[in-house]
Amino acid sequence: MANAATQGEAPIELVPYDPSWPARFEQERRRLEQVLGPWLAGPIEHIGSTAIAGMPGKPIIDIMVPIGDLDAARPAIAAVEGAGYVHYPYRADVMHWFCKPSAARRTHHLHLVPHASPLWRERLAFRDRLRADRALAAEYAALKIALARRFRHDREAYTDAKGPFVVRVLALARDRDADSVRAPGSGSAIGNGAPR
């Protein structure tokens, strides 16, 4: 999606962390489990800023659903649309992407992502690293606030500008996982089971 001003999309507006966000995720997760049961390949995950305690963010619940593969899950698109979501062919090579109730007023983003794909692993690794490191989370919060001011009407530029920080956090997550693999007595070639 190019520029929000030309796409009729809502501007980027960050709000302080809302403690109700996890409950809102849980409510939608239960609903989506019913709608997407035939395509689920694992547990539905809460991702994005609303999944990180204390993190300011857009008041949009980001939900990632594990599917087997994109082609097999194409019939899920109609099921999700029937649940009030709008489908967009955004990054269609790696996921099926939806927002609810519309691009102009968003309460939820839904990402149907092949389970254990690089995108799946990276999103969980990023979330988990920020949950575990308060200083890193604070740095991300400050970056998001600055970028939201700069790119208020350009979601793509806002997302792209966060890229170098995301790459750095994912490298830290990989290093942590590598350290746990090398640790004596780790008992597993993949360390503590955290996503890479």
Protein backbone atom coordinates (compact mmCIF):
# COMPACT_ATOMS: atom_id res chain seq x y z
CA MET A 1 0.00 0.00 0.00
CA ALA A 2 1.54 3.21 -1.12
CA ASN A 3 0.70 6.50 0.50
CA ALA A 4 -2.14 6.60 3.03
CA ALA A 5 -3.25 10.03 1.82
CA THR A 6 -3.85 8.61 -1.64
CA GLN A 7 -5.36 5.37 -0.41
CA GLY A 8 -8.06 6.72 1.90
CA GLU A 9 -6.33 5.19 4.90
CA ALA A 10 -6.33 6.47 8.46
CA PRO A 11 -3.30 8.55 9.47
CA ILE A 12 -0.76 7.07 11.87
CA GLU A 13 -1.72 8.00 15.41
CA LEU A 14 0.10 6.47 18.37
CA VAL A 15 -1.51 6.24 21.79
CA PRO A 16 -0.11 5.18 25.18
CA TYR A 17 -0.20 1.47 25.96
CA ASP A 18 -3.69 0.28 26.86
CA PRO A 19 -3.87 -2.62 29.37
CA SER A 20 -7.08 -3.79 27.64
CA TRP A 21 -5.20 -4.73 24.46
CA PRO A 22 -4.36 -8.32 25.53
CA ALA A 23 -8.02 -8.95 26.43
CA ARG A 24 -9.13 -7.53 23.08
CA PHE A 25 -6.68 -9.90 21.37
CA GLU A 26 -7.98 -12.85 23.38
CA GLN A 27 -11.58 -12.08 22.47
CA GLU A 28 -10.75 -11.90 18.76
CA ARG A 29 -8.49 -14.97 18.97
CA ARG A 30 -11.41 -17.09 20.21
CA ARG A 31 -13.61 -15.83 17.40
CA LEU A 32 -10.94 -16.47 14.76
CA GLU A 33 -10.28 -19.99 16.02
CA GLN A 34 -13.89 -20.79 15.13
CA VAL A 35 -13.74 -19.06 11.74
CA LEU A 36 -10.31 -20.40 10.74
CA GLY A 37 -10.34 -23.83 12.40
CA PRO A 38 -9.84 -25.82 9.16
CA TRP A 39 -6.72 -23.83 8.24
CA LEU A 40 -5.00 -23.46 11.63
CA ALA A 41 -1.52 -24.95 11.85
CA GLY A 42 -0.81 -23.89 15.45
CA PRO A 43 -1.75 -21.28 18.05
CA ILE A 44 -2.86 -17.79 17.01
CA GLU A 45 -0.36 -15.14 18.15
CA HIS A 46 -0.66 -11.53 19.34
CA ILE A 47 2.05 -9.49 17.62
CA GLY A 48 2.94 -5.85 17.08
CA SER A 49 3.11 -3.05 19.62
CA THR A 50 -0.18 -3.95 21.32
CA ALA A 51 1.47 -7.26 22.31
CA ILE A 52 4.30 -5.56 24.24
CA ALA A 53 3.40 -4.28 27.70
CA GLY A 54 4.04 -0.55 28.08
CA MET A 55 4.62 0.04 24.35
CA PRO A 56 2.80 2.97 22.75
CA GLY A 57 1.25 2.09 19.44
CA LYS A 58 -1.53 2.47 16.99
CA PRO A 59 -4.66 1.19 18.79
CA ILE A 60 -4.90 -1.71 16.34
CA ILE A 61 -4.68 -5.32 17.53
CA ASP A 62 -2.23 -7.22 15.29
CA ILE A 63 -3.02 -10.92 15.02
CA MET A 64 -0.91 -13.56 13.28
CA VAL A 65 -2.56 -16.84 12.33
CA PRO A 66 -0.44 -19.88 11.42
CA ILE A 67 -1.54 -21.62 8.22
CA GLY A 68 -0.07 -24.55 6.30
CA ASP A 69 0.60 -22.63 3.08
CA LEU A 70 -0.81 -19.69 1.18
CA ASP A 71 -2.46 -21.64 -1.64
CA ALA A 72 -4.22 -24.11 0.66
CA ALA A 73 -5.53 -21.21 2.75
CA ARG A 74 -7.07 -19.24 -0.15
CA PRO A 75 -10.59 -20.39 0.81
CA ALA A 76 -9.95 -18.85 4.25
CA ILE A 77 -10.05 -15.40 2.64
CA ALA A 78 -13.82 -15.59 2.13
CA ALA A 79 -14.30 -16.96 5.66
CA VAL A 80 -12.35 -14.05 7.17
CA GLU A 81 -14.22 -11.53 5.03
CA GLY A 82 -17.44 -13.03 6.38
CA ALA A 83 -16.14 -12.21 9.88
CA GLY A 84 -15.93 -8.49 9.06
CA TYR A 85 -12.39 -8.18 7.73
CA VAL A 86 -11.33 -6.53 4.47
CA HIS A 87 -8.72 -8.41 2.41
CA TYR A 88 -5.83 -6.56 0.74
CA PRO A 89 -3.21 -8.20 -1.51
CA TYR A 90 -0.43 -6.64 0.59
CA ARG A 91 2.78 -8.73 0.55
CA ALA A 92 0.72 -11.52 -1.02
CA ASP A 93 3.86 -13.57 -1.64
CA VAL A 94 4.29 -14.16 2.12
CA MET A 95 0.85 -13.76 3.72
CA HIS A 96 -2.86 -13.06 3.34
CA TRP A 97 -3.44 -9.64 4.96
CA PHE A 98 -6.67 -8.11 6.30
CA CYS A 99 -7.86 -5.14 8.32
CA LYS A 100 -11.09 -4.57 10.20
CA PRO A 101 -13.49 -2.87 9.82
CA SER A 102 -11.93 -0.75 7.00
CA ALA A 103 -8.69 0.87 5.87
CA ALA A 104 -10.01 4.23 7.04
CA ARG A 105 -10.91 3.03 10.55
CA ARG A 106 -8.86 0.11 11.80
CA THR A 107 -9.31 -1.87 15.00
CA HIS A 108 -7.56 -5.10 13.92
CA HIS A 109 -4.92 -6.26 11.47
CA LEU A 110 -4.93 -9.95 10.59
CA HIS A 111 -1.97 -11.75 9.04
CA LEU A 112 -2.40 -15.34 7.77
CA VAL A 113 1.22 -16.52 7.61
CA PRO A 114 2.66 -19.96 6.81
CA HIS A 115 3.66 -21.55 10.11
CA ALA A 116 7.44 -21.65 10.72
CA SER A 117 8.10 -19.49 7.64
CA PRO A 118 10.83 -16.82 7.95
CA LEU A 119 8.15 -14.13 8.41
CA TRP A 120 6.46 -16.16 11.16
CA ARG A 121 9.73 -16.72 13.04
CA GLU A 122 10.93 -13.13 12.66
CA ARG A 123 7.72 -11.57 13.96
CA LEU A 124 7.72 -13.75 17.06
CA ALA A 125 11.45 -13.22 17.64
CA PHE A 126 11.03 -9.44 17.40
CA ARG A 127 8.07 -9.42 19.80
CA ASP A 128 9.76 -11.72 22.29
CA ARG A 129 13.04 -9.78 22.26
CA LEU A 130 11.25 -6.49 23.01
CA ARG A 131 9.19 -8.15 25.75
CA ALA A 132 12.43 -9.34 27.38
CA ASP A 133 14.48 -6.13 27.08
CA ARG A 134 12.91 -2.98 28.53
CA ALA A 135 15.72 -0.69 27.31
CA LEU A 136 15.35 -1.97 23.75
CA ALA A 137 11.57 -1.56 24.01
CA ALA A 138 12.01 2.05 25.20
CA GLU A 139 14.31 2.75 22.27
CA TYR A 140 11.72 1.33 19.88
CA ALA A 141 8.96 3.43 21.48
CA ALA A 142 10.98 6.63 20.98
CA LEU A 143 11.71 5.70 17.36
CA LYS A 144 8.05 4.98 16.65
CA ILE A 145 6.95 8.32 18.12
CA ALA A 146 9.47 10.25 16.00
CA LEU A 147 8.57 8.36 12.83
CA ALA A 148 4.83 8.70 13.41
CA ARG A 149 5.26 12.48 13.49
CA ARG A 150 7.38 12.44 10.35
CA PHE A 151 5.29 9.97 8.31
CA ARG A 152 1.80 10.55 9.71
CA HIS A 153 0.15 10.07 6.30
CA ASP A 154 2.50 7.48 4.82
CA ARG A 155 2.22 4.06 6.43
CA GLU A 156 4.67 2.45 4.01
CA ALA A 157 7.40 5.03 4.75
CA TYR A 158 6.72 4.68 8.49
CA THR A 159 7.15 0.91 8.28
CA ASP A 160 10.23 1.13 6.03
CA ALA A 161 11.93 3.63 8.34
CA LYS A 162 11.66 1.15 11.24
CA GLY A 163 13.50 -1.45 9.13
CA PRO A 164 17.07 -0.90 10.39
CA PHE A 165 15.91 -1.14 14.02
CA VAL A 166 13.98 -4.35 13.27
CA VAL A 167 17.04 -5.87 11.56
CA ARG A 168 19.18 -5.02 14.62
CA VAL A 169 16.68 -6.57 17.05
CA LEU A 170 16.43 -9.74 14.96
CA ALA A 171 20.24 -9.99 14.94
CA LEU A 172 20.24 -9.68 18.75
CA ALA A 173 17.59 -12.41 18.95
CA ARG A 174 19.67 -14.69 16.71
CA ASP A 175 22.77 -14.03 18.80
CA ARG A 176 20.87 -14.89 21.99
CA ASP A 177 19.60 -18.11 20.44
CA ALA A 178 23.11 -18.98 19.22
CA ASP A 179 24.48 -18.39 22.72
CA SER A 180 21.88 -20.73 24.19
CA VAL A 181 22.81 -23.41 21.65
CA ARG A 182 26.49 -23.13 22.62
CA ALA A 183 25.74 -23.16 26.36
CA PRO A 184 26.71 -26.41 28.09
CA GLY A 185 23.72 -28.53 28.99
CA SER A 186 21.32 -26.70 26.71
CA GLY A 187 20.12 -30.14 25.65
CA SER A 188 18.91 -29.01 22.23
CA ALA A 189 20.42 -28.03 18.92
CA ILE A 190 17.87 -25.23 18.75
CA GLY A 191 18.52 -23.80 22.19
CA ASN A 192 15.60 -22.92 24.40
CA GLY A 193 12.97 -23.32 21.72
CA ALA A 194 12.59 -19.59 21.16
CA PRO A 195 11.83 -18.67 17.56
CA ARG A 196 14.81 -17.63 15.45
